[in-house]
Amino acid sequence: MNNYNNSDIINIGTGEDLSIEELAEIIREIVDFKGKIKWDSSKPDGTPRKLLDVNKLHKLGWKHKINLEKGITNIYQWYKENVKI
């Protein structure tokens, strides 16, 4: 990947799908949010799926090393340590 110079678009991701609700629950656990998440089903819910096709990336030999939960945990930890509110 360091020497990739093609003009093709490459999607970067895990190739795994999850819902906004699942993502919200992951974030809730990581930040230890004790409140309630409220969903307004009267509002548009956007595109049903946002899963990227990572086949080109995998054929080039690249695969993610950190899953989404670990990545969010890492960036949240960094934020707490480096951003003063």
N, C-alpha and C. Protein backbone atom coordinates (compact mmCIF):
# COMPACT_ATOMS: atom_id res chain seq x y z
N MET A 1 0.82 -1.19 0.00
CA MET A 1 0.00 0.00 0.00
C MET A 1 0.86 1.26 0.00
N ASN A 2 2.06 1.19 0.53
CA ASN A 2 2.92 2.37 0.56
C ASN A 2 3.24 2.87 -0.84
N ASN A 3 3.25 1.98 -1.80
CA ASN A 3 3.62 2.36 -3.16
C ASN A 3 2.43 2.36 -4.11
N TYR A 4 1.24 2.36 -3.60
CA TYR A 4 0.05 2.35 -4.44
C TYR A 4 -0.06 3.68 -5.16
N ASN A 5 -0.13 3.65 -6.50
CA ASN A 5 -0.21 4.89 -7.26
C ASN A 5 -1.27 4.83 -8.35
N ASN A 6 -2.22 3.96 -8.22
CA ASN A 6 -3.30 3.84 -9.18
C ASN A 6 -4.36 4.89 -8.86
N SER A 7 -5.14 5.27 -9.85
CA SER A 7 -6.18 6.28 -9.62
C SER A 7 -7.51 5.66 -9.21
N ASP A 8 -7.57 4.33 -9.09
CA ASP A 8 -8.81 3.68 -8.65
C ASP A 8 -9.16 4.11 -7.23
N ILE A 9 -10.46 4.20 -6.99
CA ILE A 9 -10.92 4.51 -5.64
C ILE A 9 -10.86 3.24 -4.81
N ILE A 10 -10.31 3.35 -3.61
CA ILE A 10 -10.19 2.22 -2.70
C ILE A 10 -10.95 2.56 -1.43
N ASN A 11 -11.92 1.73 -1.08
CA ASN A 11 -12.65 1.89 0.18
C ASN A 11 -11.83 1.29 1.31
N ILE A 12 -11.74 2.02 2.40
CA ILE A 12 -11.02 1.53 3.56
C ILE A 12 -12.03 1.29 4.67
N GLY A 13 -12.03 0.10 5.21
CA GLY A 13 -12.95 -0.25 6.27
C GLY A 13 -12.74 -1.69 6.68
N THR A 14 -13.67 -2.19 7.45
CA THR A 14 -13.57 -3.57 7.95
C THR A 14 -14.33 -4.55 7.08
N GLY A 15 -15.27 -4.05 6.29
CA GLY A 15 -16.11 -4.93 5.51
C GLY A 15 -17.22 -5.54 6.34
N GLU A 16 -17.42 -5.02 7.54
CA GLU A 16 -18.46 -5.51 8.43
C GLU A 16 -19.54 -4.44 8.56
N ASP A 17 -20.78 -4.87 8.66
CA ASP A 17 -21.91 -3.96 8.71
C ASP A 17 -22.45 -3.87 10.14
N LEU A 18 -22.95 -2.70 10.51
CA LEU A 18 -23.66 -2.56 11.77
C LEU A 18 -24.64 -1.40 11.64
N SER A 19 -25.66 -1.43 12.45
CA SER A 19 -26.69 -0.40 12.41
C SER A 19 -26.25 0.81 13.25
N ILE A 20 -26.93 1.93 13.04
CA ILE A 20 -26.67 3.12 13.84
C ILE A 20 -26.96 2.82 15.31
N GLU A 21 -27.99 2.02 15.56
CA GLU A 21 -28.31 1.65 16.94
C GLU A 21 -27.17 0.85 17.57
N GLU A 22 -26.63 -0.10 16.81
CA GLU A 22 -25.50 -0.89 17.33
C GLU A 22 -24.29 0.01 17.60
N LEU A 23 -24.03 0.95 16.69
CA LEU A 23 -22.92 1.88 16.88
C LEU A 23 -23.14 2.74 18.11
N ALA A 24 -24.35 3.23 18.30
CA ALA A 24 -24.68 4.04 19.48
C ALA A 24 -24.45 3.24 20.76
N GLU A 25 -24.81 1.97 20.76
CA GLU A 25 -24.61 1.13 21.94
C GLU A 25 -23.13 0.91 22.23
N ILE A 26 -22.34 0.73 21.19
CA ILE A 26 -20.89 0.57 21.37
C ILE A 26 -20.32 1.83 22.01
N ILE A 27 -20.69 2.99 21.47
CA ILE A 27 -20.19 4.26 22.01
C ILE A 27 -20.68 4.47 23.44
N ARG A 28 -21.93 4.13 23.70
CA ARG A 28 -22.48 4.28 25.06
C ARG A 28 -21.63 3.49 26.07
N GLU A 29 -21.28 2.27 25.73
CA GLU A 29 -20.48 1.45 26.63
C GLU A 29 -19.08 2.03 26.82
N ILE A 30 -18.46 2.46 25.73
CA ILE A 30 -17.09 2.96 25.80
C ILE A 30 -17.00 4.22 26.66
N VAL A 31 -17.95 5.13 26.49
CA VAL A 31 -17.89 6.39 27.24
C VAL A 31 -18.62 6.30 28.57
N ASP A 32 -19.17 5.13 28.87
CA ASP A 32 -19.88 4.86 30.12
C ASP A 32 -21.07 5.82 30.31
N PHE A 33 -21.82 6.02 29.23
CA PHE A 33 -23.00 6.87 29.27
C PHE A 33 -24.13 6.13 29.97
N LYS A 34 -24.68 6.73 31.02
CA LYS A 34 -25.73 6.07 31.81
C LYS A 34 -27.13 6.52 31.41
N GLY A 35 -27.23 7.54 30.55
CA GLY A 35 -28.53 8.05 30.14
C GLY A 35 -29.21 7.14 29.14
N LYS A 36 -30.35 7.62 28.68
CA LYS A 36 -31.16 6.88 27.72
C LYS A 36 -30.91 7.43 26.32
N ILE A 37 -30.81 6.57 25.35
CA ILE A 37 -30.72 7.00 23.96
C ILE A 37 -32.14 6.99 23.41
N LYS A 38 -32.57 8.15 22.92
CA LYS A 38 -33.93 8.27 22.41
C LYS A 38 -33.89 8.26 20.88
N TRP A 39 -34.78 7.50 20.28
CA TRP A 39 -34.87 7.39 18.83
C TRP A 39 -36.17 8.04 18.37
N ASP A 40 -36.08 8.89 17.37
CA ASP A 40 -37.26 9.55 16.81
C ASP A 40 -37.60 8.87 15.49
N SER A 41 -38.51 7.92 15.53
CA SER A 41 -38.85 7.15 14.33
C SER A 41 -39.67 7.94 13.33
N SER A 42 -40.05 9.17 13.68
CA SER A 42 -40.79 10.00 12.72
C SER A 42 -39.85 10.70 11.74
N LYS A 43 -38.55 10.67 12.01
CA LYS A 43 -37.57 11.32 11.14
C LYS A 43 -37.02 10.31 10.13
N PRO A 44 -36.58 10.81 8.98
CA PRO A 44 -35.96 9.91 8.00
C PRO A 44 -34.76 9.20 8.61
N ASP A 45 -34.55 7.96 8.23
CA ASP A 45 -33.45 7.20 8.81
C ASP A 45 -32.26 7.05 7.86
N GLY A 46 -32.28 7.73 6.74
CA GLY A 46 -31.13 7.71 5.84
C GLY A 46 -31.00 6.41 5.07
N THR A 47 -29.85 6.19 4.52
CA THR A 47 -29.58 5.00 3.73
C THR A 47 -29.58 3.78 4.64
N PRO A 48 -30.35 2.74 4.27
CA PRO A 48 -30.42 1.56 5.13
C PRO A 48 -29.06 0.88 5.37
N ARG A 49 -28.20 0.88 4.34
CA ARG A 49 -26.89 0.24 4.51
C ARG A 49 -25.80 1.17 4.03
N LYS A 50 -24.70 1.20 4.76
CA LYS A 50 -23.55 2.02 4.38
C LYS A 50 -22.28 1.17 4.39
N LEU A 51 -22.42 -0.06 4.01
CA LEU A 51 -21.29 -0.99 4.04
C LEU A 51 -20.39 -0.78 2.81
N LEU A 52 -19.11 -0.53 3.05
CA LEU A 52 -18.16 -0.35 1.97
C LEU A 52 -17.67 -1.70 1.46
N ASP A 53 -17.45 -1.78 0.15
CA ASP A 53 -16.87 -2.98 -0.45
C ASP A 53 -15.36 -2.85 -0.36
N VAL A 54 -14.73 -3.69 0.45
CA VAL A 54 -13.29 -3.61 0.66
C VAL A 54 -12.52 -4.70 -0.08
N ASN A 55 -13.15 -5.32 -1.07
CA ASN A 55 -12.49 -6.40 -1.81
C ASN A 55 -11.21 -5.96 -2.50
N LYS A 56 -11.21 -4.78 -3.15
CA LYS A 56 -9.99 -4.29 -3.81
C LYS A 56 -8.86 -4.16 -2.80
N LEU A 57 -9.19 -3.60 -1.67
CA LEU A 57 -8.20 -3.39 -0.62
C LEU A 57 -7.61 -4.72 -0.15
N HIS A 58 -8.47 -5.70 0.07
CA HIS A 58 -8.00 -7.01 0.52
C HIS A 58 -7.15 -7.68 -0.55
N LYS A 59 -7.51 -7.51 -1.82
CA LYS A 59 -6.71 -8.09 -2.91
C LYS A 59 -5.32 -7.48 -2.97
N LEU A 60 -5.19 -6.24 -2.48
CA LEU A 60 -3.88 -5.59 -2.43
C LEU A 60 -3.07 -6.01 -1.21
N GLY A 61 -3.69 -6.84 -0.36
CA GLY A 61 -2.98 -7.37 0.79
C GLY A 61 -3.19 -6.61 2.10
N TRP A 62 -4.09 -5.62 2.11
CA TRP A 62 -4.33 -4.86 3.33
C TRP A 62 -5.58 -5.34 4.02
N LYS A 63 -5.52 -5.50 5.32
CA LYS A 63 -6.67 -5.85 6.14
C LYS A 63 -6.55 -5.09 7.45
N HIS A 64 -7.68 -4.63 7.95
CA HIS A 64 -7.65 -3.86 9.19
C HIS A 64 -7.09 -4.71 10.33
N LYS A 65 -6.41 -4.03 11.26
CA LYS A 65 -5.84 -4.71 12.42
C LYS A 65 -6.61 -4.38 13.69
N ILE A 66 -7.35 -3.29 13.67
CA ILE A 66 -8.08 -2.84 14.85
C ILE A 66 -9.56 -2.81 14.51
N ASN A 67 -10.37 -3.49 15.33
CA ASN A 67 -11.81 -3.47 15.06
C ASN A 67 -12.40 -2.12 15.49
N LEU A 68 -13.63 -1.88 15.10
CA LEU A 68 -14.28 -0.60 15.36
C LEU A 68 -14.33 -0.26 16.84
N GLU A 69 -14.70 -1.21 17.67
CA GLU A 69 -14.82 -0.95 19.11
C GLU A 69 -13.47 -0.54 19.70
N LYS A 70 -12.41 -1.23 19.32
CA LYS A 70 -11.07 -0.90 19.83
C LYS A 70 -10.63 0.46 19.31
N GLY A 71 -10.94 0.76 18.04
CA GLY A 71 -10.58 2.05 17.46
C GLY A 71 -11.27 3.20 18.17
N ILE A 72 -12.57 3.04 18.45
CA ILE A 72 -13.31 4.09 19.17
C ILE A 72 -12.76 4.23 20.59
N THR A 73 -12.47 3.10 21.23
CA THR A 73 -11.89 3.14 22.58
C THR A 73 -10.57 3.90 22.57
N ASN A 74 -9.72 3.59 21.60
CA ASN A 74 -8.40 4.25 21.51
C ASN A 74 -8.54 5.76 21.32
N ILE A 75 -9.41 6.18 20.41
CA ILE A 75 -9.52 7.61 20.14
C ILE A 75 -10.20 8.33 21.30
N TYR A 76 -11.13 7.67 21.98
CA TYR A 76 -11.76 8.27 23.15
C TYR A 76 -10.74 8.45 24.27
N GLN A 77 -9.89 7.47 24.48
CA GLN A 77 -8.83 7.55 25.49
C GLN A 77 -7.88 8.70 25.15
N TRP A 78 -7.48 8.78 23.86
CA TRP A 78 -6.59 9.86 23.43
C TRP A 78 -7.25 11.21 23.68
N TYR A 79 -8.53 11.33 23.35
CA TYR A 79 -9.26 12.58 23.54
C TYR A 79 -9.26 13.00 25.01
N LYS A 80 -9.56 12.06 25.90
CA LYS A 80 -9.59 12.38 27.34
C LYS A 80 -8.23 12.85 27.83
N GLU A 81 -7.17 12.29 27.27
CA GLU A 81 -5.82 12.62 27.72
C GLU A 81 -5.26 13.90 27.09
N ASN A 82 -5.79 14.30 25.94
CA ASN A 82 -5.17 15.39 25.18
C ASN A 82 -6.03 16.62 24.95
N VAL A 83 -7.31 16.55 25.16
CA VAL A 83 -8.18 17.69 24.90
C VAL A 83 -8.70 18.24 26.22
N LYS A 84 -8.40 19.48 26.46
CA LYS A 84 -8.87 20.14 27.68
C LYS A 84 -10.18 20.85 27.38
N ILE A 85 -11.18 20.58 28.19
CA ILE A 85 -12.49 21.21 27.98
C ILE A 85 -12.64 22.40 28.90
